Structures are given as C-alpha cells and as structure tokens.
Amino acid sequence: MIYKNHYTIGTDTVTHLGKAIPVANSNQLSDYINNLQNSEFQVAYVPAGMEHRPDLISFYFYGTVTKDWLIMMYNNLSDPFQSLNVGDRILLPIL
C-alpha cells in the first residue's frame, strides 16, 4: 500500500483521508487528477457556517457530501481546520 499526499492506494481501492475515491488504482487516480486539473473551474468563497467543513461546502456546491475530498485535493489542502475559513477563496472544478 502506498501513502502519498494523503492518498492511500491499495490493490483495488483509492482513498483520500479515509474516503473512497471513484477510481480503482493509481493510474486511474493520476488520469482523474490530470483531467480535473485541465477542467474548467469556478471561483467560490467559503460561506459563513461552513468554515472548516469541506463536506458542507461539497453539499452546498455539488449537492452531495461525497465531493469533500475533491475540494481538499483541488485546492491543495490537507487539514480543513487550518484552512477553509469564512471568505477564503477556493476553486471548484466544474463536474
């Protein structure tokens, strides 16, 4: 098992900080990240009441809490308690 930038890459699963990512192996993860980096994005600001909560931000912008890892990864954040303050500028890939 490889641990890299908060990703755990197993033989048939990939997780980010303990949450499953919709890819099966490290090659698919690389492709997924490259596609996201080349995708369009919107600029947003962390709303009041959602500071330090990527799950709530995910629900607010994507309609699901399961994209919290995506917000963290896309903005190169590892600890939501040290980031994601009210009014912080974040980038959200357009899915």
PDB file of N, CA and C in Angstrom:
ATOM      1  N   MET A   1       0.837  -1.169   0.000  1.00  0.00           N
ATOM      2  CA  MET A   1       0.000   0.000   0.000  1.00  0.00           C
ATOM      3  C   MET A   1       0.889   1.241   0.000  1.00  0.00           C
ATOM      4  N   ILE A   2       0.563   2.202  -0.850  1.00  0.00           N
ATOM      5  CA  ILE A   2       1.355   3.423  -0.981  1.00  0.00           C
ATOM      6  C   ILE A   2       0.598   4.560  -0.313  1.00  0.00           C
ATOM      7  N   TYR A   3       1.315   5.378   0.459  1.00  0.00           N
ATOM      8  CA  TYR A   3       0.703   6.548   1.072  1.00  0.00           C
ATOM      9  C   TYR A   3       1.370   7.770   0.483  1.00  0.00           C
ATOM     10  N   LYS A   4       0.614   8.580  -0.236  1.00  0.00           N
ATOM     11  CA  LYS A   4       1.198   9.716  -0.936  1.00  0.00           C
ATOM     12  C   LYS A   4       0.218  10.872  -0.903  1.00  0.00           C
ATOM     13  N   ASN A   5       0.637  11.999  -0.341  1.00  0.00           N
ATOM     14  CA  ASN A   5      -0.192  13.202  -0.308  1.00  0.00           C
ATOM     15  C   ASN A   5      -1.603  12.931   0.206  1.00  0.00           C
ATOM     16  N   HIS A   6      -1.691  12.192   1.285  1.00  0.00           N
ATOM     17  CA  HIS A   6      -2.959  11.864   1.933  1.00  0.00           C
ATOM     18  C   HIS A   6      -3.805  10.871   1.150  1.00  0.00           C
ATOM     19  N   TYR A   7      -3.240  10.260   0.121  1.00  0.00           N
ATOM     20  CA  TYR A   7      -3.939   9.227  -0.626  1.00  0.00           C
ATOM     21  C   TYR A   7      -3.407   7.878  -0.198  1.00  0.00           C
ATOM     22  N   THR A   8      -4.302   6.934  -0.012  1.00  0.00           N
ATOM     23  CA  THR A   8      -3.907   5.560   0.235  1.00  0.00           C
ATOM     24  C   THR A   8      -4.323   4.771  -0.994  1.00  0.00           C
ATOM     25  N   ILE A   9      -3.337   4.186  -1.644  1.00  0.00           N
ATOM     26  CA  ILE A   9      -3.598   3.448  -2.872  1.00  0.00           C
ATOM     27  C   ILE A   9      -3.401   1.970  -2.594  1.00  0.00           C
ATOM     28  N   GLY A  10      -4.509   1.236  -2.557  1.00  0.00           N
ATOM     29  CA  GLY A  10      -4.457  -0.199  -2.330  1.00  0.00           C
ATOM     30  C   GLY A  10      -4.527  -0.932  -3.654  1.00  0.00           C
ATOM     31  N   THR A  11      -4.735  -2.234  -3.593  1.00  0.00           N
ATOM     32  CA  THR A  11      -4.783  -3.021  -4.819  1.00  0.00           C
ATOM     33  C   THR A  11      -6.070  -2.782  -5.610  1.00  0.00           C
ATOM     34  N   ASP A  12      -7.152  -2.474  -4.926  1.00  0.00           N
ATOM     35  CA  ASP A  12      -8.410  -2.257  -5.650  1.00  0.00           C
ATOM     36  C   ASP A  12      -9.196  -1.042  -5.166  1.00  0.00           C
ATOM     37  N   THR A  13      -8.614  -0.225  -4.297  1.00  0.00           N
ATOM     38  CA  THR A  13      -9.298   0.974  -3.825  1.00  0.00           C
ATOM     39  C   THR A  13      -8.306   2.122  -3.680  1.00  0.00           C
ATOM     40  N   VAL A  14      -8.830   3.319  -3.766  1.00  0.00           N
ATOM     41  CA  VAL A  14      -8.049   4.514  -3.513  1.00  0.00           C
ATOM     42  C   VAL A  14      -8.865   5.366  -2.558  1.00  0.00           C
ATOM     43  N   THR A  15      -8.234   5.867  -1.508  1.00  0.00           N
ATOM     44  CA  THR A  15      -8.936   6.723  -0.569  1.00  0.00           C
ATOM     45  C   THR A  15      -8.156   8.010  -0.361  1.00  0.00           C
ATOM     46  N   HIS A  16      -8.855   9.047   0.016  1.00  0.00           N
ATOM     47  CA  HIS A  16      -8.238  10.319   0.389  1.00  0.00           C
ATOM     48  C   HIS A  16      -8.716  10.627   1.792  1.00  0.00           C
ATOM     49  N   LEU A  17      -7.788  10.649   2.741  1.00  0.00           N
ATOM     50  CA  LEU A  17      -8.111  10.867   4.144  1.00  0.00           C
ATOM     51  C   LEU A  17      -9.246   9.962   4.599  1.00  0.00           C
ATOM     52  N   GLY A  18      -9.206   8.715   4.151  1.00  0.00           N
ATOM     53  CA  GLY A  18     -10.161   7.706   4.587  1.00  0.00           C
ATOM     54  C   GLY A  18     -11.439   7.613   3.776  1.00  0.00           C
ATOM     55  N   LYS A  19     -11.644   8.502   2.794  1.00  0.00           N
ATOM     56  CA  LYS A  19     -12.858   8.461   1.981  1.00  0.00           C
ATOM     57  C   LYS A  19     -12.554   7.865   0.616  1.00  0.00           C
ATOM     58  N   ALA A  20     -13.429   6.997   0.135  1.00  0.00           N
ATOM     59  CA  ALA A  20     -13.226   6.330  -1.154  1.00  0.00           C
ATOM     60  C   ALA A  20     -13.298   7.329  -2.298  1.00  0.00           C
ATOM     61  N   ILE A  21     -12.417   7.139  -3.272  1.00  0.00           N
ATOM     62  CA  ILE A  21     -12.363   7.953  -4.483  1.00  0.00           C
ATOM     63  C   ILE A  21     -12.819   7.065  -5.636  1.00  0.00           C
ATOM     64  N   PRO A  22     -13.569   7.614  -6.599  1.00  0.00           N
ATOM     65  CA  PRO A  22     -14.136   6.770  -7.657  1.00  0.00           C
ATOM     66  C   PRO A  22     -13.131   6.326  -8.716  1.00  0.00           C
ATOM     67  N   VAL A  23     -12.026   5.772  -8.279  1.00  0.00           N
ATOM     68  CA  VAL A  23     -11.044   5.177  -9.180  1.00  0.00           C
ATOM     69  C   VAL A  23     -10.582   3.878  -8.549  1.00  0.00           C
ATOM     70  N   ALA A  24      -9.978   3.012  -9.321  1.00  0.00           N
ATOM     71  CA  ALA A  24      -9.605   1.696  -8.813  1.00  0.00           C
ATOM     72  C   ALA A  24      -8.121   1.549  -8.520  1.00  0.00           C
ATOM     73  N   ASN A  25      -7.260   2.334  -9.184  1.00  0.00           N
ATOM     74  CA  ASN A  25      -5.830   2.148  -8.967  1.00  0.00           C
ATOM     75  C   ASN A  25      -5.100   3.469  -9.175  1.00  0.00           C
ATOM     76  N   SER A  26      -3.798   3.475  -8.972  1.00  0.00           N
ATOM     77  CA  SER A  26      -3.023   4.713  -9.039  1.00  0.00           C
ATOM     78  C   SER A  26      -2.999   5.315 -10.441  1.00  0.00           C
ATOM     79  N   ASN A  27      -3.040   4.485 -11.490  1.00  0.00           N
ATOM     80  CA  ASN A  27      -3.077   5.024 -12.854  1.00  0.00           C
ATOM     81  C   ASN A  27      -4.374   5.778 -13.100  1.00  0.00           C
ATOM     82  N   GLN A  28      -5.489   5.207 -12.662  1.00  0.00           N
ATOM     83  CA  GLN A  28      -6.766   5.890 -12.816  1.00  0.00           C
ATOM     84  C   GLN A  28      -6.809   7.162 -11.977  1.00  0.00           C
ATOM     85  N   LEU A  29      -6.194   7.144 -10.795  1.00  0.00           N
ATOM     86  CA  LEU A  29      -6.137   8.335  -9.960  1.00  0.00           C
ATOM     87  C   LEU A  29      -5.368   9.438 -10.672  1.00  0.00           C
ATOM     88  N   SER A  30      -4.230   9.110 -11.264  1.00  0.00           N
ATOM     89  CA  SER A  30      -3.444  10.102 -11.999  1.00  0.00           C
ATOM     90  C   SER A  30      -4.243  10.680 -13.154  1.00  0.00           C
ATOM     91  N   ASP A  31      -4.932   9.821 -13.894  1.00  0.00           N
ATOM     92  CA  ASP A  31      -5.758  10.291 -15.005  1.00  0.00           C
ATOM     93  C   ASP A  31      -6.880  11.195 -14.499  1.00  0.00           C
ATOM     94  N   TYR A  32      -7.499  10.792 -13.402  1.00  0.00           N
ATOM     95  CA  TYR A  32      -8.599  11.565 -12.820  1.00  0.00           C
ATOM     96  C   TYR A  32      -8.111  12.949 -12.406  1.00  0.00           C
ATOM     97  N   ILE A  33      -6.965  13.006 -11.734  1.00  0.00           N
ATOM     98  CA  ILE A  33      -6.402  14.287 -11.281  1.00  0.00           C
ATOM     99  C   ILE A  33      -6.007  15.141 -12.474  1.00  0.00           C
ATOM    100  N   ASN A  34      -5.370  14.558 -13.480  1.00  0.00           N
ATOM    101  CA  ASN A  34      -4.990  15.316 -14.673  1.00  0.00           C
ATOM    102  C   ASN A  34      -6.204  15.887 -15.381  1.00  0.00           C
ATOM    103  N   ASN A  35      -7.265  15.108 -15.487  1.00  0.00           N
ATOM    104  CA  ASN A  35      -8.489  15.596 -16.120  1.00  0.00           C
ATOM    105  C   ASN A  35      -9.087  16.753 -15.332  1.00  0.00           C
ATOM    106  N   LEU A  36      -9.057  16.653 -14.009  1.00  0.00           N
ATOM    107  CA  LEU A  36      -9.590  17.733 -13.185  1.00  0.00           C
ATOM    108  C   LEU A  36      -8.748  18.990 -13.321  1.00  0.00           C
ATOM    109  N   GLN A  37      -7.426  18.825 -13.368  1.00  0.00           N
ATOM    110  CA  GLN A  37      -6.551  19.980 -13.475  1.00  0.00           C
ATOM    111  C   GLN A  37      -6.740  20.692 -14.808  1.00  0.00           C
ATOM    112  N   ASN A  38      -7.161  19.975 -15.824  1.00  0.00           N
ATOM    113  CA  ASN A  38      -7.387  20.565 -17.131  1.00  0.00           C
ATOM    114  C   ASN A  38      -8.838  21.009 -17.319  1.00  0.00           C
ATOM    115  N   SER A  39      -9.686  20.749 -16.314  1.00  0.00           N
ATOM    116  CA  SER A  39     -11.094  21.091 -16.453  1.00  0.00           C
ATOM    117  C   SER A  39     -11.334  22.558 -16.095  1.00  0.00           C
ATOM    118  N   GLU A  40     -12.506  23.012 -16.440  1.00  0.00           N
ATOM    119  CA  GLU A  40     -12.899  24.353 -16.065  1.00  0.00           C
ATOM    120  C   GLU A  40     -13.230  24.362 -14.581  1.00  0.00           C
ATOM    121  N   PHE A  41     -13.134  25.521 -13.974  1.00  0.00           N
ATOM    122  CA  PHE A  41     -13.438  25.635 -12.558  1.00  0.00           C
ATOM    123  C   PHE A  41     -14.153  26.947 -12.306  1.00  0.00           C
ATOM    124  N   GLN A  42     -14.785  27.001 -11.151  1.00  0.00           N
ATOM    125  CA  GLN A  42     -15.393  28.246 -10.716  1.00  0.00           C
ATOM    126  C   GLN A  42     -14.707  28.697  -9.443  1.00  0.00           C
ATOM    127  N   VAL A  43     -14.656  29.997  -9.276  1.00  0.00           N
ATOM    128  CA  VAL A  43     -14.111  30.571  -8.054  1.00  0.00           C
ATOM    129  C   VAL A  43     -15.264  30.738  -7.083  1.00  0.00           C
ATOM    130  N   ALA A  44     -15.055  30.314  -5.853  1.00  0.00           N
ATOM    131  CA  ALA A  44     -16.078  30.445  -4.821  1.00  0.00           C
ATOM    132  C   ALA A  44     -15.404  30.920  -3.537  1.00  0.00           C
ATOM    133  N   TYR A  45     -16.215  31.283  -2.590  1.00  0.00           N
ATOM    134  CA  TYR A  45     -15.725  31.719  -1.285  1.00  0.00           C
ATOM    135  C   TYR A  45     -16.433  30.900  -0.230  1.00  0.00           C
ATOM    136  N   VAL A  46     -15.710  30.520   0.810  1.00  0.00           N
ATOM    137  CA  VAL A  46     -16.271  29.676   1.857  1.00  0.00           C
ATOM    138  C   VAL A  46     -17.402  30.452   2.543  1.00  0.00           C
ATOM    139  N   PRO A  47     -18.630  29.921   2.485  1.00  0.00           N
ATOM    140  CA  PRO A  47     -19.772  30.602   3.097  1.00  0.00           C
ATOM    141  C   PRO A  47     -19.727  30.541   4.632  1.00  0.00           C
ATOM    142  N   ALA A  48     -20.347  31.515   5.258  1.00  0.00           N
ATOM    143  CA  ALA A  48     -20.457  31.523   6.727  1.00  0.00           C
ATOM    144  C   ALA A  48     -21.209  30.270   7.176  1.00  0.00           C
ATOM    145  N   GLY A  49     -20.756  29.699   8.258  1.00  0.00           N
ATOM    146  CA  GLY A  49     -21.376  28.485   8.785  1.00  0.00           C
ATOM    147  C   GLY A  49     -20.795  27.209   8.203  1.00  0.00           C
ATOM    148  N   MET A  50     -19.920  27.334   7.206  1.00  0.00           N
ATOM    149  CA  MET A  50     -19.325  26.156   6.577  1.00  0.00           C
ATOM    150  C   MET A  50     -17.810  26.141   6.707  1.00  0.00           C
ATOM    151  N   GLU A  51     -17.282  27.033   7.540  1.00  0.00           N
ATOM    152  CA  GLU A  51     -15.844  27.075   7.719  1.00  0.00           C
ATOM    153  C   GLU A  51     -15.342  25.746   8.284  1.00  0.00           C
ATOM    154  N   HIS A  52     -14.207  25.320   7.778  1.00  0.00           N
ATOM    155  CA  HIS A  52     -13.544  24.075   8.198  1.00  0.00           C
ATOM    156  C   HIS A  52     -14.370  22.826   7.901  1.00  0.00           C
ATOM    157  N   ARG A  53     -15.374  22.922   7.029  1.00  0.00           N
ATOM    158  CA  ARG A  53     -16.258  21.790   6.745  1.00  0.00           C
ATOM    159  C   ARG A  53     -16.355  21.533   5.243  1.00  0.00           C
ATOM    160  N   PRO A  54     -15.363  20.835   4.685  1.00  0.00           N
ATOM    161  CA  PRO A  54     -15.426  20.549   3.247  1.00  0.00           C
ATOM    162  C   PRO A  54     -16.649  19.724   2.859  1.00  0.00           C
ATOM    163  N   ASP A  55     -17.181  18.943   3.792  1.00  0.00           N
ATOM    164  CA  ASP A  55     -18.381  18.153   3.488  1.00  0.00           C
ATOM    165  C   ASP A  55     -19.587  19.059   3.256  1.00  0.00           C
ATOM    166  N   LEU A  56     -19.746  20.103   4.075  1.00  0.00           N
ATOM    167  CA  LEU A  56     -20.855  21.034   3.892  1.00  0.00           C
ATOM    168  C   LEU A  56     -20.673  21.880   2.635  1.00  0.00           C
ATOM    169  N   ILE A  57     -19.431  22.273   2.364  1.00  0.00           N
ATOM    170  CA  ILE A  57     -19.143  23.031   1.143  1.00  0.00           C
ATOM    171  C   ILE A  57     -19.467  22.172  -0.073  1.00  0.00           C
ATOM    172  N   SER A  58     -19.098  20.899  -0.018  1.00  0.00           N
ATOM    173  CA  SER A  58     -19.403  19.967  -1.090  1.00  0.00           C
ATOM    174  C   SER A  58     -20.910  19.868  -1.315  1.00  0.00           C
ATOM    175  N   PHE A  59     -21.662  19.759  -0.233  1.00  0.00           N
ATOM    176  CA  PHE A  59     -23.117  19.660  -0.354  1.00  0.00           C
ATOM    177  C   PHE A  59     -23.712  20.941  -0.939  1.00  0.00           C
ATOM    178  N   TYR A  60     -23.196  22.074  -0.493  1.00  0.00           N
ATOM    179  CA  TYR A  60     -23.705  23.374  -0.958  1.00  0.00           C
ATOM    180  C   TYR A  60     -23.480  23.563  -2.458  1.00  0.00           C
ATOM    181  N   PHE A  61     -22.293  23.207  -2.944  1.00  0.00           N
ATOM    182  CA  PHE A  61     -21.966  23.456  -4.344  1.00  0.00           C
ATOM    183  C   PHE A  61     -22.274  22.288  -5.277  1.00  0.00           C
ATOM    184  N   TYR A  62     -22.188  21.044  -4.756  1.00  0.00           N
ATOM    185  CA  TYR A  62     -22.373  19.869  -5.621  1.00  0.00           C
ATOM    186  C   TYR A  62     -23.631  19.050  -5.304  1.00  0.00           C
ATOM    187  N   GLY A  63     -24.275  19.345  -4.186  1.00  0.00           N
ATOM    188  CA  GLY A  63     -25.468  18.596  -3.829  1.00  0.00           C
ATOM    189  C   GLY A  63     -25.198  17.252  -3.190  1.00  0.00           C
ATOM    190  N   THR A  64     -23.941  17.000  -2.830  1.00  0.00           N
ATOM    191  CA  THR A  64     -23.554  15.758  -2.163  1.00  0.00           C
ATOM    192  C   THR A  64     -22.354  16.025  -1.261  1.00  0.00           C
ATOM    193  N   VAL A  65     -22.286  15.317  -0.144  1.00  0.00           N
ATOM    194  CA  VAL A  65     -21.149  15.485   0.765  1.00  0.00           C
ATOM    195  C   VAL A  65     -19.932  14.683   0.317  1.00  0.00           C
ATOM    196  N   THR A  66     -20.089  13.848  -0.688  1.00  0.00           N
ATOM    197  CA  THR A  66     -19.014  12.942  -1.079  1.00  0.00           C
ATOM    198  C   THR A  66     -17.914  13.591  -1.906  1.00  0.00           C
ATOM    199  N   LYS A  67     -18.037  14.857  -2.242  1.00  0.00           N
ATOM    200  CA  LYS A  67     -17.001  15.548  -3.026  1.00  0.00           C
ATOM    201  C   LYS A  67     -16.081  16.383  -2.128  1.00  0.00           C
ATOM    202  N   ASP A  68     -16.134  16.163  -0.829  1.00  0.00           N
ATOM    203  CA  ASP A  68     -15.280  16.917   0.092  1.00  0.00           C
ATOM    204  C   ASP A  68     -13.801  16.676  -0.190  1.00  0.00           C
ATOM    205  N   TRP A  69     -13.447  15.438  -0.515  1.00  0.00           N
ATOM    206  CA  TRP A  69     -12.049  15.121  -0.839  1.00  0.00           C
ATOM    207  C   TRP A  69     -11.607  15.884  -2.087  1.00  0.00           C
ATOM    208  N   LEU A  70     -12.523  16.084  -3.035  1.00  0.00           N
ATOM    209  CA  LEU A  70     -12.209  16.779  -4.267  1.00  0.00           C
ATOM    210  C   LEU A  70     -11.881  18.249  -3.997  1.00  0.00           C
ATOM    211  N   ILE A  71     -12.646  18.871  -3.146  1.00  0.00           N
ATOM    212  CA  ILE A  71     -12.387  20.265  -2.772  1.00  0.00           C
ATOM    213  C   ILE A  71     -11.028  20.382  -2.099  1.00  0.00           C
ATOM    214  N   MET A  72     -10.740  19.461  -1.193  1.00  0.00           N
ATOM    215  CA  MET A  72      -9.451  19.478  -0.493  1.00  0.00           C
ATOM    216  C   MET A  72      -8.305  19.264  -1.479  1.00  0.00           C
ATOM    217  N   MET A  73      -8.445  18.278  -2.358  1.00  0.00           N
ATOM    218  CA  MET A  73      -7.381  17.963  -3.300  1.00  0.00           C
ATOM    219  C   MET A  73      -7.173  19.087  -4.311  1.00  0.00           C
ATOM    220  N   TYR A  74      -8.250  19.584  -4.879  1.00  0.00           N
ATOM    221  CA  TYR A  74      -8.161  20.588  -5.936  1.00  0.00           C
ATOM    222  C   TYR A  74      -7.538  21.885  -5.431  1.00  0.00           C
ATOM    223  N   ASN A  75      -7.724  22.170  -4.132  1.00  0.00           N
ATOM    224  CA  ASN A  75      -7.175  23.383  -3.539  1.00  0.00           C
ATOM    225  C   ASN A  75      -5.887  23.123  -2.770  1.00  0.00           C
ATOM    226  N   ASN A  76      -5.366  21.896  -2.911  1.00  0.00           N
ATOM    227  CA  ASN A  76      -4.104  21.511  -2.281  1.00  0.00           C
ATOM    228  C   ASN A  76      -4.123  21.739  -0.769  1.00  0.00           C
ATOM    229  N   LEU A  77      -5.198  21.281  -0.136  1.00  0.00           N
ATOM    230  CA  LEU A  77      -5.360  21.430   1.303  1.00  0.00           C
ATOM    231  C   LEU A  77      -5.262  20.058   1.960  1.00  0.00           C
ATOM    232  N   SER A  78      -4.642  20.006   3.106  1.00  0.00           N
ATOM    233  CA  SER A  78      -4.543  18.730   3.807  1.00  0.00           C
ATOM    234  C   SER A  78      -5.283  18.733   5.141  1.00  0.00           C
ATOM    235  N   ASP A  79      -5.510  19.903   5.715  1.00  0.00           N
ATOM    236  CA  ASP A  79      -6.168  19.980   7.016  1.00  0.00           C
ATOM    237  C   ASP A  79      -7.239  21.072   6.972  1.00  0.00           C
ATOM    238  N   PRO A  80      -8.516  20.686   6.982  1.00  0.00           N
ATOM    239  CA  PRO A  80      -9.561  21.702   6.904  1.00  0.00           C
ATOM    240  C   PRO A  80      -9.602  22.629   8.120  1.00  0.00           C
ATOM    241  N   PHE A  81      -9.024  22.194   9.238  1.00  0.00           N
ATOM    242  CA  PHE A  81      -9.040  23.022  10.439  1.00  0.00           C
ATOM    243  C   PHE A  81      -7.989  24.125  10.395  1.00  0.00           C
ATOM    244  N   GLN A  82      -7.055  24.031   9.457  1.00  0.00           N
ATOM    245  CA  GLN A  82      -6.059  25.069   9.254  1.00  0.00           C
ATOM    246  C   GLN A  82      -6.384  25.908   8.020  1.00  0.00           C
ATOM    247  N   SER A  83      -7.485  25.609   7.370  1.00  0.00           N
ATOM    248  CA  SER A  83      -7.868  26.303   6.149  1.00  0.00           C
ATOM    249  C   SER A  83      -9.390  26.363   6.093  1.00  0.00           C
ATOM    250  N   LEU A  84      -9.906  26.754   4.953  1.00  0.00           N
ATOM    251  CA  LEU A  84     -11.347  26.846   4.746  1.00  0.00           C
ATOM    252  C   LEU A  84     -12.028  27.749   5.773  1.00  0.00           C
ATOM    253  N   ASN A  85     -11.468  28.929   5.946  1.00  0.00           N
ATOM    254  CA  ASN A  85     -12.069  29.924   6.821  1.00  0.00           C
ATOM    255  C   ASN A  85     -13.141  30.685   6.043  1.00  0.00           C
ATOM    256  N   VAL A  86     -14.072  31.317   6.750  1.00  0.00           N
ATOM    257  CA  VAL A  86     -15.122  32.088   6.096  1.00  0.00           C
ATOM    258  C   VAL A  86     -14.489  33.128   5.180  1.00  0.00           C
ATOM    259  N   GLY A  87     -14.951  33.149   3.944  1.00  0.00           N
ATOM    260  CA  GLY A  87     -14.465  34.113   2.971  1.00  0.00           C
ATOM    261  C   GLY A  87     -13.229  33.689   2.212  1.00  0.00           C
ATOM    262  N   ASP A  88     -12.619  32.559   2.571  1.00  0.00           N
ATOM    263  CA  ASP A  88     -11.454  32.074   1.823  1.00  0.00           C
ATOM    264  C   ASP A  88     -11.866  31.760   0.387  1.00  0.00           C
ATOM    265  N   ARG A  89     -11.016  32.141  -0.547  1.00  0.00           N
ATOM    266  CA  ARG A  89     -11.241  31.862  -1.972  1.00  0.00           C
ATOM    267  C   ARG A  89     -10.852  30.416  -2.243  1.00  0.00           C
ATOM    268  N   ILE A  90     -11.747  29.676  -2.876  1.00  0.00           N
ATOM    269  CA  ILE A  90     -11.469  28.289  -3.251  1.00  0.00           C
ATOM    270  C   ILE A  90     -11.831  28.097  -4.718  1.00  0.00           C
ATOM    271  N   LEU A  91     -11.223  27.106  -5.316  1.00  0.00           N
ATOM    272  CA  LEU A  91     -11.515  26.731  -6.689  1.00  0.00           C
ATOM    273  C   LEU A  91     -12.306  25.437  -6.681  1.00  0.00           C
ATOM    274  N   LEU A  92     -13.364  25.389  -7.469  1.00  0.00           N
ATOM    275  CA  LEU A  92     -14.206  24.201  -7.554  1.00  0.00           C
ATOM    276  C   LEU A  92     -14.258  23.748  -9.004  1.00  0.00           C
ATOM    277  N   PRO A  93     -13.763  22.531  -9.277  1.00  0.00           N
ATOM    278  CA  PRO A  93     -13.849  22.043 -10.655  1.00  0.00           C
ATOM    279  C   PRO A  93     -15.306  21.867 -11.063  1.00  0.00           C
ATOM    280  N   ILE A  94     -15.591  22.200 -12.307  1.00  0.00           N
ATOM    281  CA  ILE A  94     -16.941  22.020 -12.828  1.00  0.00           C
ATOM    282  C   ILE A  94     -17.056  20.586 -13.299  1.00  0.00           C
ATOM    283  N   LEU A  95     -17.934  19.840 -12.673  1.00  0.00           N
ATOM    284  CA  LEU A  95     -18.093  18.410 -12.966  1.00  0.00           C
ATOM    285  C   LEU A  95     -19.152  18.184 -14.014  1.00  0.00           C
TER     286      LEU A  95
END
